[in-house]
Each structure stands twice: as C-alpha cells, then as structure tokens.
Amino acid sequence: VKFTEKGEIVLTISFLSKEDIETNIMSSTYGQMNKKGILLIELYDTGIGMNPEFIQHAWKSFSRGDMSITRKQEGTGLGLSICKILVEINGGEIKAESQLGEG
C-alpha cells in the first residue's frame, strides 16, 4: 500500500478444491472422501513496480531493492521475508512478477 499513491490495489482470494479418496488401508477412514485444496491469494497493484532483476532479493531479510526509490519509504525490509517463511512452513509457495513503473 505504501508504494501505491494512486491507481488501485486488487486482492483476490480463491480456493481451488479437489476431492481425494483416502487409500491408506491401515486407516479407519479407508475409502472416505476427503476434500483438499489450494488457497490462492493474488495481489495486483499499480504502484511503483520493481525492476525484475531485484525480485530475487525481495524475499531476503533487510533487503530493499532499488535504494533510490525505497529510501524515501520507511521500513526495515522484513515484510516479504516474513511472508515467505509463513507461506513455506505451511507448504505453500510465494512468487512475484513486476515491471518498474507498472506495479
């Protein structure tokens, strides 16, 4: 939010469900239908964007991309690294795509 002074920020949350039949014979639930799924969270903004070559550094603690842009913004550079850790310990993955000046 702090990098999007005008334009829009769109957050979309979806659940992609999948049914799975329990096939573990040792389990008392053998043959039971289980619902599993993937939680997909997508964020789109029209902020300042980021040079694609800096995206790999965005997930590192205390990393702040292009300092000429971020130095006027406050923060320690921990937000995305914390998000990455939380997503990965729950079995997920996190990715980013961006173009400088396009969000």
C-alpha atoms as a PDB file:
ATOM      1  CA  VAL A   1       0.000   0.000   0.000  1.00  0.00           C
ATOM      2  CA  LYS A   2       2.806   2.412   0.803  1.00  0.00           C
ATOM      3  CA  PHE A   3       4.157   2.221  -2.767  1.00  0.00           C
ATOM      4  CA  THR A   4       0.778   2.842  -4.487  1.00  0.00           C
ATOM      5  CA  GLU A   5      -0.114   6.513  -4.158  1.00  0.00           C
ATOM      6  CA  LYS A   6      -2.669   6.423  -6.994  1.00  0.00           C
ATOM      7  CA  GLY A   7      -4.350   3.763  -9.073  1.00  0.00           C
ATOM      8  CA  GLU A   8      -5.569   0.559  -7.500  1.00  0.00           C
ATOM      9  CA  ILE A   9      -4.720  -2.409  -5.348  1.00  0.00           C
ATOM     10  CA  VAL A  10      -6.704  -5.580  -6.024  1.00  0.00           C
ATOM     11  CA  LEU A  11      -6.640  -8.581  -3.679  1.00  0.00           C
ATOM     12  CA  THR A  12      -8.224 -11.823  -4.896  1.00  0.00           C
ATOM     13  CA  ILE A  13      -8.579 -14.905  -2.707  1.00  0.00           C
ATOM     14  CA  SER A  14      -9.697 -18.211  -4.244  1.00  0.00           C
ATOM     15  CA  PHE A  15      -9.957 -21.772  -3.044  1.00  0.00           C
ATOM     16  CA  LEU A  16      -9.317 -24.450  -5.653  1.00  0.00           C
ATOM     17  CA  SER A  17     -10.858 -27.594  -4.214  1.00  0.00           C
ATOM     18  CA  LYS A  18     -10.032 -31.170  -5.051  1.00  0.00           C
ATOM     19  CA  GLU A  19     -11.590 -34.347  -3.760  1.00  0.00           C
ATOM     20  CA  ASP A  20      -9.267 -37.125  -2.719  1.00  0.00           C
ATOM     21  CA  ILE A  21     -10.118 -40.700  -1.747  1.00  0.00           C
ATOM     22  CA  GLU A  22      -8.270 -41.946   1.339  1.00  0.00           C
ATOM     23  CA  THR A  23      -6.413 -45.110   0.265  1.00  0.00           C
ATOM     24  CA  ASN A  24      -4.497 -45.916   3.448  1.00  0.00           C
ATOM     25  CA  ILE A  25      -5.695 -49.419   4.359  1.00  0.00           C
ATOM     26  CA  MET A  26      -4.352 -49.046   7.913  1.00  0.00           C
ATOM     27  CA  SER A  27      -6.590 -46.026   8.450  1.00  0.00           C
ATOM     28  CA  SER A  28     -10.088 -46.347   9.863  1.00  0.00           C
ATOM     29  CA  THR A  29     -11.212 -43.908   7.181  1.00  0.00           C
ATOM     30  CA  TYR A  30     -10.276 -46.190   4.258  1.00  0.00           C
ATOM     31  CA  GLY A  31     -12.375 -45.256   1.233  1.00  0.00           C
ATOM     32  CA  GLN A  32     -13.562 -41.982   2.762  1.00  0.00           C
ATOM     33  CA  MET A  33     -13.748 -38.931   0.508  1.00  0.00           C
ATOM     34  CA  ASN A  34     -11.557 -36.063   1.709  1.00  0.00           C
ATOM     35  CA  LYS A  35     -11.765 -32.525   0.418  1.00  0.00           C
ATOM     36  CA  LYS A  36      -8.426 -30.864  -0.092  1.00  0.00           C
ATOM     37  CA  GLY A  37      -7.485 -27.757  -1.907  1.00  0.00           C
ATOM     38  CA  ILE A  38      -5.198 -24.867  -2.614  1.00  0.00           C
ATOM     39  CA  LEU A  39      -5.675 -21.385  -1.238  1.00  0.00           C
ATOM     40  CA  LEU A  40      -4.615 -18.902  -3.908  1.00  0.00           C
ATOM     41  CA  ILE A  41      -4.020 -15.295  -2.870  1.00  0.00           C
ATOM     42  CA  GLU A  42      -3.241 -12.828  -5.655  1.00  0.00           C
ATOM     43  CA  LEU A  43      -2.329  -9.178  -5.231  1.00  0.00           C
ATOM     44  CA  TYR A  44      -2.199  -6.729  -8.100  1.00  0.00           C
ATOM     45  CA  ASP A  45      -1.290  -3.075  -7.798  1.00  0.00           C
ATOM     46  CA  THR A  46      -0.440  -0.069  -9.935  1.00  0.00           C
ATOM     47  CA  GLY A  47       2.364   1.074  -7.633  1.00  0.00           C
ATOM     48  CA  ILE A  48       5.939   1.990  -8.461  1.00  0.00           C
ATOM     49  CA  GLY A  49       6.830  -1.519  -9.571  1.00  0.00           C
ATOM     50  CA  MET A  50      10.176  -3.201  -9.293  1.00  0.00           C
ATOM     51  CA  ASN A  51      12.938  -3.996 -11.725  1.00  0.00           C
ATOM     52  CA  PRO A  52      12.647  -7.776 -12.361  1.00  0.00           C
ATOM     53  CA  GLU A  53      16.355  -8.231 -11.583  1.00  0.00           C
ATOM     54  CA  PHE A  54      15.707  -7.161  -7.961  1.00  0.00           C
ATOM     55  CA  ILE A  55      12.766  -9.525  -7.301  1.00  0.00           C
ATOM     56  CA  GLN A  56      15.032 -12.375  -6.182  1.00  0.00           C
ATOM     57  CA  HIS A  57      16.344 -10.105  -3.407  1.00  0.00           C
ATOM     58  CA  ALA A  58      12.887  -9.055  -2.201  1.00  0.00           C
ATOM     59  CA  TRP A  59      12.498 -12.244  -0.128  1.00  0.00           C
ATOM     60  CA  LYS A  60      15.713 -11.708   1.856  1.00  0.00           C
ATOM     61  CA  SER A  61      15.620 -10.130   5.333  1.00  0.00           C
ATOM     62  CA  PHE A  62      16.599  -6.461   5.454  1.00  0.00           C
ATOM     63  CA  SER A  63      16.750  -6.301   1.637  1.00  0.00           C
ATOM     64  CA  ARG A  64      15.289  -3.239  -0.067  1.00  0.00           C
ATOM     65  CA  GLY A  65      15.562  -3.423  -3.861  1.00  0.00           C
ATOM     66  CA  ASP A  66      16.469  -0.177  -5.589  1.00  0.00           C
ATOM     67  CA  MET A  67      17.522   2.207  -2.803  1.00  0.00           C
ATOM     68  CA  SER A  68      16.889   5.322  -4.910  1.00  0.00           C
ATOM     69  CA  ILE A  69      13.167   4.501  -4.793  1.00  0.00           C
ATOM     70  CA  THR A  70      12.809   2.818  -1.397  1.00  0.00           C
ATOM     71  CA  ARG A  71      14.923   5.217   0.653  1.00  0.00           C
ATOM     72  CA  LYS A  72      12.021   7.675   0.761  1.00  0.00           C
ATOM     73  CA  GLN A  73       9.800   4.941   2.222  1.00  0.00           C
ATOM     74  CA  GLU A  74      10.029   3.670   5.780  1.00  0.00           C
ATOM     75  CA  GLY A  75      10.531   0.036   6.698  1.00  0.00           C
ATOM     76  CA  THR A  76      13.155  -2.495   7.629  1.00  0.00           C
ATOM     77  CA  GLY A  77      12.827  -4.879   4.702  1.00  0.00           C
ATOM     78  CA  LEU A  78      11.341  -7.717   6.772  1.00  0.00           C
ATOM     79  CA  GLY A  79       7.755  -7.873   5.492  1.00  0.00           C
ATOM     80  CA  LEU A  80       8.238 -10.064   2.436  1.00  0.00           C
ATOM     81  CA  SER A  81      10.790 -12.333   4.112  1.00  0.00           C
ATOM     82  CA  ILE A  82       8.311 -13.000   6.947  1.00  0.00           C
ATOM     83  CA  CYS A  83       5.537 -13.688   4.409  1.00  0.00           C
ATOM     84  CA  LYS A  84       7.789 -16.145   2.568  1.00  0.00           C
ATOM     85  CA  ILE A  85       8.650 -18.025   5.771  1.00  0.00           C
ATOM     86  CA  LEU A  86       4.995 -18.274   6.850  1.00  0.00           C
ATOM     87  CA  VAL A  87       3.853 -19.453   3.427  1.00  0.00           C
ATOM     88  CA  GLU A  88       6.606 -22.071   3.112  1.00  0.00           C
ATOM     89  CA  ILE A  89       6.197 -23.565   6.615  1.00  0.00           C
ATOM     90  CA  ASN A  90       2.562 -24.151   5.670  1.00  0.00           C
ATOM     91  CA  GLY A  91       3.566 -25.987   2.488  1.00  0.00           C
ATOM     92  CA  GLY A  92       2.943 -23.164   0.039  1.00  0.00           C
ATOM     93  CA  GLU A  93       4.960 -21.073  -2.329  1.00  0.00           C
ATOM     94  CA  ILE A  94       5.159 -17.351  -2.963  1.00  0.00           C
ATOM     95  CA  LYS A  95       6.107 -15.605  -6.202  1.00  0.00           C
ATOM     96  CA  ALA A  96       6.219 -12.083  -7.581  1.00  0.00           C
ATOM     97  CA  GLU A  97       6.176 -10.514 -11.014  1.00  0.00           C
ATOM     98  CA  SER A  98       6.743  -6.826 -11.599  1.00  0.00           C
ATOM     99  CA  GLN A  99       7.871  -4.196 -14.063  1.00  0.00           C
ATOM    100  CA  LEU A 100       9.436  -0.938 -12.979  1.00  0.00           C
ATOM    101  CA  GLY A 101       6.833   1.833 -13.084  1.00  0.00           C
ATOM    102  CA  GLU A 102       3.923  -0.567 -13.640  1.00  0.00           C
ATOM    103  CA  GLY A 103       3.347  -2.230 -10.265  1.00  0.00           C
END
